[in-house]
C-alpha atoms as a PDB file:
ATOM      1  CA  UNK A   1       0.361   0.097   0.193  1.00  0.00           C
ATOM      2  CA  UNK A   2       2.929   2.598   0.668  1.00  0.00           C
ATOM      3  CA  UNK A   3       4.660   1.563  -2.067  1.00  0.00           C
ATOM      4  CA  UNK A   4       1.508   2.438  -4.125  1.00  0.00           C
ATOM      5  CA  UNK A   5       1.066   5.837  -2.334  1.00  0.00           C
ATOM      6  CA  UNK A   6       4.905   6.697  -3.295  1.00  0.00           C
ATOM      7  CA  UNK A   7       4.653   5.762  -7.083  1.00  0.00           C
ATOM      8  CA  UNK A   8       1.762   7.996  -7.287  1.00  0.00           C
ATOM      9  CA  UNK A   9       3.116  10.737  -4.919  1.00  0.00           C
ATOM     10  CA  UNK A  10       6.190  10.436  -7.383  1.00  0.00           C
ATOM     11  CA  UNK A  11       4.208  10.821 -10.740  1.00  0.00           C
ATOM     12  CA  UNK A  12       2.310  13.622  -9.474  1.00  0.00           C
ATOM     13  CA  UNK A  13       5.091  15.856  -8.087  1.00  0.00           C
ATOM     14  CA  UNK A  14       7.938  14.202 -10.624  1.00  0.00           C
ATOM     15  CA  UNK A  15       9.042  17.988 -12.524  1.00  0.00           C
ATOM     16  CA  UNK A  16       9.271  19.305  -9.005  1.00  0.00           C
ATOM     17  CA  UNK A  17      11.270  16.825  -6.982  1.00  0.00           C
ATOM     18  CA  UNK A  18      13.714  17.025 -10.551  1.00  0.00           C
ATOM     19  CA  UNK A  19      13.726  20.687  -9.866  1.00  0.00           C
ATOM     20  CA  UNK A  20      14.548  20.321  -6.094  1.00  0.00           C
ATOM     21  CA  UNK A  21      17.338  17.431  -6.735  1.00  0.00           C
ATOM     22  CA  UNK A  22      18.733  19.647  -9.739  1.00  0.00           C
ATOM     23  CA  UNK A  23      19.063  22.668  -7.429  1.00  0.00           C
ATOM     24  CA  UNK A  24      20.892  20.333  -4.578  1.00  0.00           C
ATOM     25  CA  UNK A  25      23.182  19.103  -7.192  1.00  0.00           C
ATOM     26  CA  UNK A  26      24.349  22.780  -8.814  1.00  0.00           C
ATOM     27  CA  UNK A  27      24.183  23.709  -4.797  1.00  0.00           C
ATOM     28  CA  UNK A  28      27.553  21.663  -4.148  1.00  0.00           C
ATOM     29  CA  UNK A  29      28.553  22.195  -7.537  1.00  0.00           C
ATOM     30  CA  UNK A  30      29.282  26.052  -6.721  1.00  0.00           C
ATOM     31  CA  UNK A  31      30.089  24.639  -3.517  1.00  0.00           C
ATOM     32  CA  UNK A  32      33.006  23.565  -4.656  1.00  0.00           C
ATOM     33  CA  UNK A  33      33.962  25.514  -7.621  1.00  0.00           C
ATOM     34  CA  UNK A  34      33.661  28.750  -5.150  1.00  0.00           C
ATOM     35  CA  UNK A  35      36.841  27.996  -3.247  1.00  0.00           C
ATOM     36  CA  UNK A  36      39.078  27.938  -6.648  1.00  0.00           C
ATOM     37  CA  UNK A  37      37.739  30.794  -7.846  1.00  0.00           C
ATOM     38  CA  UNK A  38      37.872  33.336  -4.481  1.00  0.00           C
ATOM     39  CA  UNK A  39      41.765  31.781  -4.536  1.00  0.00           C
ATOM     40  CA  UNK A  40      42.322  32.537  -8.531  1.00  0.00           C
ATOM     41  CA  UNK A  41      41.118  36.325  -7.466  1.00  0.00           C
ATOM     42  CA  UNK A  42      43.182  36.347  -4.464  1.00  0.00           C
ATOM     43  CA  UNK A  43      45.999  35.387  -6.515  1.00  0.00           C
ATOM     44  CA  UNK A  44      45.191  38.053  -9.615  1.00  0.00           C
ATOM     45  CA  UNK A  45      45.058  40.959  -6.383  1.00  0.00           C
ATOM     46  CA  UNK A  46      48.331  40.262  -4.945  1.00  0.00           C
ATOM     47  CA  UNK A  47      49.863  40.026  -8.048  1.00  0.00           C
ATOM     48  CA  UNK A  48      50.727  35.991  -8.471  1.00  0.00           C
ATOM     49  CA  UNK A  49      48.654  35.022 -10.572  1.00  0.00           C
ATOM     50  CA  UNK A  50      50.547  35.422 -14.531  1.00  0.00           C
ATOM     51  CA  UNK A  51      49.245  34.131 -17.531  1.00  0.00           C
ATOM     52  CA  UNK A  52      52.354  33.335 -19.567  1.00  0.00           C
ATOM     53  CA  UNK A  53      52.801  31.905 -23.309  1.00  0.00           C
ATOM     54  CA  UNK A  54      56.627  30.880 -23.759  1.00  0.00           C
ATOM     55  CA  UNK A  55      58.484  29.105 -26.288  1.00  0.00           C
ATOM     56  CA  UNK A  56      61.987  27.277 -25.845  1.00  0.00           C
ATOM     57  CA  UNK A  57      65.104  24.926 -27.096  1.00  0.00           C
ATOM     58  CA  UNK A  58      67.689  23.474 -25.162  1.00  0.00           C
ATOM     59  CA  UNK A  59      69.634  27.440 -24.904  1.00  0.00           C
ATOM     60  CA  UNK A  60      66.802  29.699 -23.859  1.00  0.00           C
ATOM     61  CA  UNK A  61      63.063  30.459 -22.636  1.00  0.00           C
ATOM     62  CA  UNK A  62      60.978  33.175 -24.213  1.00  0.00           C
ATOM     63  CA  UNK A  63      58.267  34.014 -21.860  1.00  0.00           C
ATOM     64  CA  UNK A  64      55.494  36.759 -22.246  1.00  0.00           C
ATOM     65  CA  UNK A  65      53.145  37.857 -19.188  1.00  0.00           C
ATOM     66  CA  UNK A  66      50.008  38.606 -20.885  1.00  0.00           C
ATOM     67  CA  UNK A  67      48.464  40.311 -17.779  1.00  0.00           C
ATOM     68  CA  UNK A  68      50.990  42.388 -16.867  1.00  0.00           C
ATOM     69  CA  UNK A  69      52.825  45.055 -18.538  1.00  0.00           C
ATOM     70  CA  UNK A  70      56.185  43.857 -17.429  1.00  0.00           C
ATOM     71  CA  UNK A  71      58.471  41.074 -19.611  1.00  0.00           C
ATOM     72  CA  UNK A  72      56.987  42.125 -22.747  1.00  0.00           C
ATOM     73  CA  UNK A  73      59.067  39.669 -23.500  1.00  0.00           C
ATOM     74  CA  UNK A  74      61.710  37.713 -20.842  1.00  0.00           C
ATOM     75  CA  UNK A  75      64.324  36.390 -22.203  1.00  0.00           C
ATOM     76  CA  UNK A  76      65.965  33.505 -19.963  1.00  0.00           C
ATOM     77  CA  UNK A  77      68.245  30.556 -19.371  1.00  0.00           C
ATOM     78  CA  UNK A  78      66.809  27.174 -19.424  1.00  0.00           C
ATOM     79  CA  UNK A  79      67.248  26.725 -15.829  1.00  0.00           C
ATOM     80  CA  UNK A  80      64.437  29.613 -15.636  1.00  0.00           C
ATOM     81  CA  UNK A  81      67.751  32.257 -14.952  1.00  0.00           C
ATOM     82  CA  UNK A  82      66.473  36.038 -16.069  1.00  0.00           C
ATOM     83  CA  UNK A  83      69.038  37.349 -19.043  1.00  0.00           C
ATOM     84  CA  UNK A  84      67.261  39.594 -20.056  1.00  0.00           C
ATOM     85  CA  UNK A  85      63.556  41.506 -20.246  1.00  0.00           C
ATOM     86  CA  UNK A  86      61.787  44.689 -22.036  1.00  0.00           C
ATOM     87  CA  UNK A  87      59.622  46.562 -19.727  1.00  0.00           C
ATOM     88  CA  UNK A  88      56.253  47.243 -21.579  1.00  0.00           C
ATOM     89  CA  UNK A  89      55.189  49.618 -19.071  1.00  0.00           C
ATOM     90  CA  UNK A  90      58.213  51.510 -19.695  1.00  0.00           C
ATOM     91  CA  UNK A  91      59.004  51.064 -23.729  1.00  0.00           C
ATOM     92  CA  UNK A  92      57.079  53.967 -25.748  1.00  0.00           C
ATOM     93  CA  UNK A  93      55.901  54.992 -29.242  1.00  0.00           C
ATOM     94  CA  UNK A  94      55.549  58.292 -30.456  1.00  0.00           C
ATOM     95  CA  UNK A  95      54.021  59.051 -33.658  1.00  0.00           C
ATOM     96  CA  UNK A  96      54.206  61.887 -35.567  1.00  0.00           C
ATOM     97  CA  UNK A  97      56.275  63.863 -33.046  1.00  0.00           C
ATOM     98  CA  UNK A  98      53.295  64.799 -31.150  1.00  0.00           C
ATOM     99  CA  UNK A  99      54.622  64.497 -27.474  1.00  0.00           C
ATOM    100  CA  UNK A 100      52.388  62.384 -25.884  1.00  0.00           C
ATOM    101  CA  UNK A 101      54.212  58.632 -25.835  1.00  0.00           C
ATOM    102  CA  UNK A 102      52.322  55.699 -25.416  1.00  0.00           C
ATOM    103  CA  UNK A 103      53.251  53.068 -23.689  1.00  0.00           C
ATOM    104  CA  UNK A 104      53.731  49.233 -25.293  1.00  0.00           C
ATOM    105  CA  UNK A 105      51.454  47.734 -22.584  1.00  0.00           C
ATOM    106  CA  UNK A 106      48.521  50.609 -22.957  1.00  0.00           C
ATOM    107  CA  UNK A 107      48.109  49.568 -26.103  1.00  0.00           C
ATOM    108  CA  UNK A 108      44.960  46.323 -27.893  1.00  0.00           C
ATOM    109  CA  UNK A 109      47.247  43.349 -28.213  1.00  0.00           C
ATOM    110  CA  UNK A 110      47.428  40.081 -30.055  1.00  0.00           C
ATOM    111  CA  UNK A 111      50.280  37.349 -28.791  1.00  0.00           C
ATOM    112  CA  UNK A 112      50.288  34.785 -31.057  1.00  0.00           C
ATOM    113  CA  UNK A 113      53.209  31.916 -30.497  1.00  0.00           C
ATOM    114  CA  UNK A 114      54.536  29.584 -33.228  1.00  0.00           C
ATOM    115  CA  UNK A 115      57.159  26.699 -31.951  1.00  0.00           C
ATOM    116  CA  UNK A 116      60.022  28.877 -32.446  1.00  0.00           C
ATOM    117  CA  UNK A 117      58.970  32.380 -32.186  1.00  0.00           C
ATOM    118  CA  UNK A 118      55.758  35.219 -30.438  1.00  0.00           C
ATOM    119  CA  UNK A 119      54.347  37.850 -32.437  1.00  0.00           C
ATOM    120  CA  UNK A 120      53.532  40.156 -30.310  1.00  0.00           C
ATOM    121  CA  UNK A 121      51.340  42.767 -32.027  1.00  0.00           C
ATOM    122  CA  UNK A 122      50.037  46.319 -30.862  1.00  0.00           C
ATOM    123  CA  UNK A 123      47.644  48.521 -31.870  1.00  0.00           C
ATOM    124  CA  UNK A 124      45.856  52.088 -31.444  1.00  0.00           C
ATOM    125  CA  UNK A 125      43.866  54.377 -33.734  1.00  0.00           C
ATOM    126  CA  UNK A 126      45.578  54.103 -37.270  1.00  0.00           C
ATOM    127  CA  UNK A 127      49.185  52.508 -36.669  1.00  0.00           C
ATOM    128  CA  UNK A 128      50.216  49.275 -35.637  1.00  0.00           C
ATOM    129  CA  UNK A 129      53.752  48.127 -34.296  1.00  0.00           C
ATOM    130  CA  UNK A 130      54.530  44.265 -34.443  1.00  0.00           C
ATOM    131  CA  UNK A 131      57.509  42.807 -32.294  1.00  0.00           C
ATOM    132  CA  UNK A 132      58.497  39.565 -33.384  1.00  0.00           C
ATOM    133  CA  UNK A 133      60.766  37.348 -31.076  1.00  0.00           C
ATOM    134  CA  UNK A 134      62.740  34.731 -32.479  1.00  0.00           C
ATOM    135  CA  UNK A 135      64.647  31.499 -30.811  1.00  0.00           C
ATOM    136  CA  UNK A 136      67.907  30.659 -33.043  1.00  0.00           C
ATOM    137  CA  UNK A 137      70.024  28.037 -31.861  1.00  0.00           C
ATOM    138  CA  UNK A 138      72.266  29.800 -29.831  1.00  0.00           C
ATOM    139  CA  UNK A 139      70.761  33.561 -29.453  1.00  0.00           C
ATOM    140  CA  UNK A 140      67.385  35.664 -30.119  1.00  0.00           C
ATOM    141  CA  UNK A 141      66.530  37.832 -32.375  1.00  0.00           C
ATOM    142  CA  UNK A 142      63.828  40.932 -31.664  1.00  0.00           C
ATOM    143  CA  UNK A 143      62.631  42.480 -34.959  1.00  0.00           C
ATOM    144  CA  UNK A 144      59.987  45.596 -35.147  1.00  0.00           C
ATOM    145  CA  UNK A 145      58.158  46.913 -37.536  1.00  0.00           C
ATOM    146  CA  UNK A 146      55.687  49.224 -38.132  1.00  0.00           C
ATOM    147  CA  UNK A 147      52.602  50.530 -40.315  1.00  0.00           C
ATOM    148  CA  UNK A 148      50.180  53.356 -40.364  1.00  0.00           C
ATOM    149  CA  UNK A 149      47.302  54.220 -42.751  1.00  0.00           C
ATOM    150  CA  UNK A 150      46.843  57.958 -41.340  1.00  0.00           C
ATOM    151  CA  UNK A 151      49.076  60.515 -42.571  1.00  0.00           C
ATOM    152  CA  UNK A 152      51.277  60.798 -45.900  1.00  0.00           C
ATOM    153  CA  UNK A 153      54.882  60.486 -43.681  1.00  0.00           C
ATOM    154  CA  UNK A 154      55.029  59.500 -40.543  1.00  0.00           C
ATOM    155  CA  UNK A 155      57.415  60.710 -37.795  1.00  0.00           C
ATOM    156  CA  UNK A 156      58.475  57.575 -35.275  1.00  0.00           C
ATOM    157  CA  UNK A 157      60.471  57.373 -31.981  1.00  0.00           C
ATOM    158  CA  UNK A 158      59.896  53.642 -30.271  1.00  0.00           C
ATOM    159  CA  UNK A 159      61.966  54.073 -27.001  1.00  0.00           C
ATOM    160  CA  UNK A 160      62.356  50.323 -25.379  1.00  0.00           C
ATOM    161  CA  UNK A 161      63.529  49.575 -22.102  1.00  0.00           C
ATOM    162  CA  UNK A 162      65.951  46.584 -21.358  1.00  0.00           C
ATOM    163  CA  UNK A 163      65.970  45.256 -18.081  1.00  0.00           C
ATOM    164  CA  UNK A 164      68.978  42.366 -17.522  1.00  0.00           C
ATOM    165  CA  UNK A 165      69.783  40.779 -14.210  1.00  0.00           C
ATOM    166  CA  UNK A 166      71.931  42.100 -11.245  1.00  0.00           C
ATOM    167  CA  UNK A 167      74.050  38.623 -11.853  1.00  0.00           C
ATOM    168  CA  UNK A 168      74.711  39.202 -15.165  1.00  0.00           C
ATOM    169  CA  UNK A 169      77.041  41.782 -17.017  1.00  0.00           C
ATOM    170  CA  UNK A 170      75.716  43.485 -20.456  1.00  0.00           C
ATOM    171  CA  UNK A 171      77.551  44.324 -23.384  1.00  0.00           C
ATOM    172  CA  UNK A 172      75.305  46.869 -26.241  1.00  0.00           C
ATOM    173  CA  UNK A 173      78.025  46.913 -29.604  1.00  0.00           C
ATOM    174  CA  UNK A 174      80.885  45.716 -27.815  1.00  0.00           C
ATOM    175  CA  UNK A 175      80.826  47.936 -25.125  1.00  0.00           C
ATOM    176  CA  UNK A 176      79.963  47.063 -21.898  1.00  0.00           C
ATOM    177  CA  UNK A 177      77.094  48.890 -19.945  1.00  0.00           C
ATOM    178  CA  UNK A 178      78.142  47.977 -16.292  1.00  0.00           C
ATOM    179  CA  UNK A 179      82.068  47.625 -15.926  1.00  0.00           C
ATOM    180  CA  UNK A 180      81.381  48.575 -12.322  1.00  0.00           C
ATOM    181  CA  UNK A 181      79.223  46.403 -11.293  1.00  0.00           C
ATOM    182  CA  UNK A 182      79.008  45.697  -7.837  1.00  0.00           C
ATOM    183  CA  UNK A 183      79.121  42.434  -6.202  1.00  0.00           C
ATOM    184  CA  UNK A 184      81.085  41.322  -9.477  1.00  0.00           C
ATOM    185  CA  UNK A 185      81.988  37.593  -7.448  1.00  0.00           C
ATOM    186  CA  UNK A 186      78.401  36.720  -7.893  1.00  0.00           C
ATOM    187  CA  UNK A 187      78.278  37.924 -11.613  1.00  0.00           C
ATOM    188  CA  UNK A 188      76.786  34.276 -13.694  1.00  0.00           C
ATOM    189  CA  UNK A 189      76.423  35.489 -17.204  1.00  0.00           C
ATOM    190  CA  UNK A 190      77.380  37.340 -20.040  1.00  0.00           C
ATOM    191  CA  UNK A 191      74.704  38.744 -21.681  1.00  0.00           C
ATOM    192  CA  UNK A 192      75.729  40.529 -25.472  1.00  0.00           C
ATOM    193  CA  UNK A 193      72.915  42.623 -27.312  1.00  0.00           C
ATOM    194  CA  UNK A 194      73.940  43.434 -31.094  1.00  0.00           C
ATOM    195  CA  UNK A 195      71.787  46.111 -33.399  1.00  0.00           C
ATOM    196  CA  UNK A 196      71.609  44.664 -36.868  1.00  0.00           C
ATOM    197  CA  UNK A 197      72.680  47.532 -39.026  1.00  0.00           C
ATOM    198  CA  UNK A 198      71.505  45.642 -41.912  1.00  0.00           C
ATOM    199  CA  UNK A 199      68.428  45.384 -40.893  1.00  0.00           C
ATOM    200  CA  UNK A 200      67.710  48.996 -40.732  1.00  0.00           C
ATOM    201  CA  UNK A 201      63.853  50.768 -41.787  1.00  0.00           C
ATOM    202  CA  UNK A 202      63.630  51.564 -45.686  1.00  0.00           C
ATOM    203  CA  UNK A 203      63.999  55.606 -44.024  1.00  0.00           C
ATOM    204  CA  UNK A 204      66.985  56.669 -42.209  1.00  0.00           C
ATOM    205  CA  UNK A 205      66.688  55.412 -38.592  1.00  0.00           C
ATOM    206  CA  UNK A 206      68.378  56.799 -36.097  1.00  0.00           C
ATOM    207  CA  UNK A 207      69.122  55.747 -32.295  1.00  0.00           C
ATOM    208  CA  UNK A 208      70.190  56.592 -28.614  1.00  0.00           C
ATOM    209  CA  UNK A 209      71.268  54.531 -26.035  1.00  0.00           C
ATOM    210  CA  UNK A 210      70.776  55.536 -21.965  1.00  0.00           C
ATOM    211  CA  UNK A 211      71.131  53.090 -19.494  1.00  0.00           C
ATOM    212  CA  UNK A 212      72.425  52.561 -15.453  1.00  0.00           C
ATOM    213  CA  UNK A 213      72.922  49.763 -13.895  1.00  0.00           C
ATOM    214  CA  UNK A 214      70.714  46.510 -14.273  1.00  0.00           C
ATOM    215  CA  UNK A 215      68.967  48.530 -17.655  1.00  0.00           C
ATOM    216  CA  UNK A 216      69.409  49.747 -20.591  1.00  0.00           C
ATOM    217  CA  UNK A 217      67.151  52.094 -22.770  1.00  0.00           C
ATOM    218  CA  UNK A 218      67.225  52.176 -26.867  1.00  0.00           C
ATOM    219  CA  UNK A 219      65.586  54.824 -28.496  1.00  0.00           C
ATOM    220  CA  UNK A 220      64.857  54.445 -31.865  1.00  0.00           C
ATOM    221  CA  UNK A 221      63.782  57.756 -34.629  1.00  0.00           C
ATOM    222  CA  UNK A 222      62.193  57.291 -38.419  1.00  0.00           C
ATOM    223  CA  UNK A 223      61.555  59.605 -40.378  1.00  0.00           C
ATOM    224  CA  UNK A 224      59.117  59.808 -43.352  1.00  0.00           C
ATOM    225  CA  UNK A 225      57.513  56.231 -42.945  1.00  0.00           C
ATOM    226  CA  UNK A 226      55.059  56.047 -45.552  1.00  0.00           C
ATOM    227  CA  UNK A 227      51.459  55.559 -44.363  1.00  0.00           C
ATOM    228  CA  UNK A 228      50.674  53.000 -47.586  1.00  0.00           C
ATOM    229  CA  UNK A 229      49.815  50.228 -44.938  1.00  0.00           C
ATOM    230  CA  UNK A 230      52.293  48.230 -45.870  1.00  0.00           C
ATOM    231  CA  UNK A 231      54.806  47.351 -42.807  1.00  0.00           C
ATOM    232  CA  UNK A 232      58.229  48.736 -42.994  1.00  0.00           C
ATOM    233  CA  UNK A 233      61.394  47.517 -40.766  1.00  0.00           C
ATOM    234  CA  UNK A 234      62.688  49.606 -37.549  1.00  0.00           C
ATOM    235  CA  UNK A 235      64.857  47.487 -35.474  1.00  0.00           C
ATOM    236  CA  UNK A 236      66.629  44.509 -35.100  1.00  0.00           C
ATOM    237  CA  UNK A 237      68.014  43.276 -32.259  1.00  0.00           C
ATOM    238  CA  UNK A 238      70.504  40.168 -31.437  1.00  0.00           C
ATOM    239  CA  UNK A 239      70.484  38.450 -28.280  1.00  0.00           C
ATOM    240  CA  UNK A 240      73.052  36.060 -26.678  1.00  0.00           C
ATOM    241  CA  UNK A 241      74.547  35.118 -23.417  1.00  0.00           C
ATOM    242  CA  UNK A 242      77.434  32.859 -22.011  1.00  0.00           C
ATOM    243  CA  UNK A 243      77.950  31.152 -18.720  1.00  0.00           C
ATOM    244  CA  UNK A 244      80.981  32.986 -17.239  1.00  0.00           C
ATOM    245  CA  UNK A 245      83.173  30.391 -15.757  1.00  0.00           C
ATOM    246  CA  UNK A 246      85.896  31.587 -12.850  1.00  0.00           C
ATOM    247  CA  UNK A 247      89.132  30.544 -12.036  1.00  0.00           C
ATOM    248  CA  UNK A 248      89.558  28.847  -8.776  1.00  0.00           C
ATOM    249  CA  UNK A 249      91.969  31.453  -6.736  1.00  0.00           C
ATOM    250  CA  UNK A 250      88.811  33.918  -7.013  1.00  0.00           C
END
């Protein structure tokens, strides 16, 4: 008798039962997800969580932090020691001498990775700057190209701030930047950065250098870049490094 009553009750209230069970299941699912969501949000707040994109070989790792203005990109050794990094907050683009430089981070960007290179394309209004970081067997290259359709001829200033590890020495175009570096006994890597003059823009490109301990700023000045919806080369940098070996008496 009870079983018939139970069956009759279930058949009569089946819709309500299904809805109630669904809410219970959903409640437990949310209960399991919320701690993870809150934890991830907490990591973002304290600056720990980072979405990264990278390519690597036996000599280097090229890594981009996607939700940070820094590390655009970072170049590391296979063991994870930082060799060189482009600071996206302090690397700037100024077009047409308008005295309003905009940081590389303060753009719309699209980042694409392949097996041996990463293309970082940044866009604002009617121009684009494309940075291609490419892995070779024993070096990394940075290539910068510019495109605009807004004016007849473009005046471009590209200023790149490179940070290098305090346990490295940096040489740019055969000039040692930090000859008087502190803690010389702890220096592990010799980083070499070169400007490839054969990769100059179609128009005249000049550059200047400013540096302090552990960073280097390279500024490129390109004049009369045609606004013809074509990519025009601005600069090509070549980076390599070697491990410093010390004699036993040191």
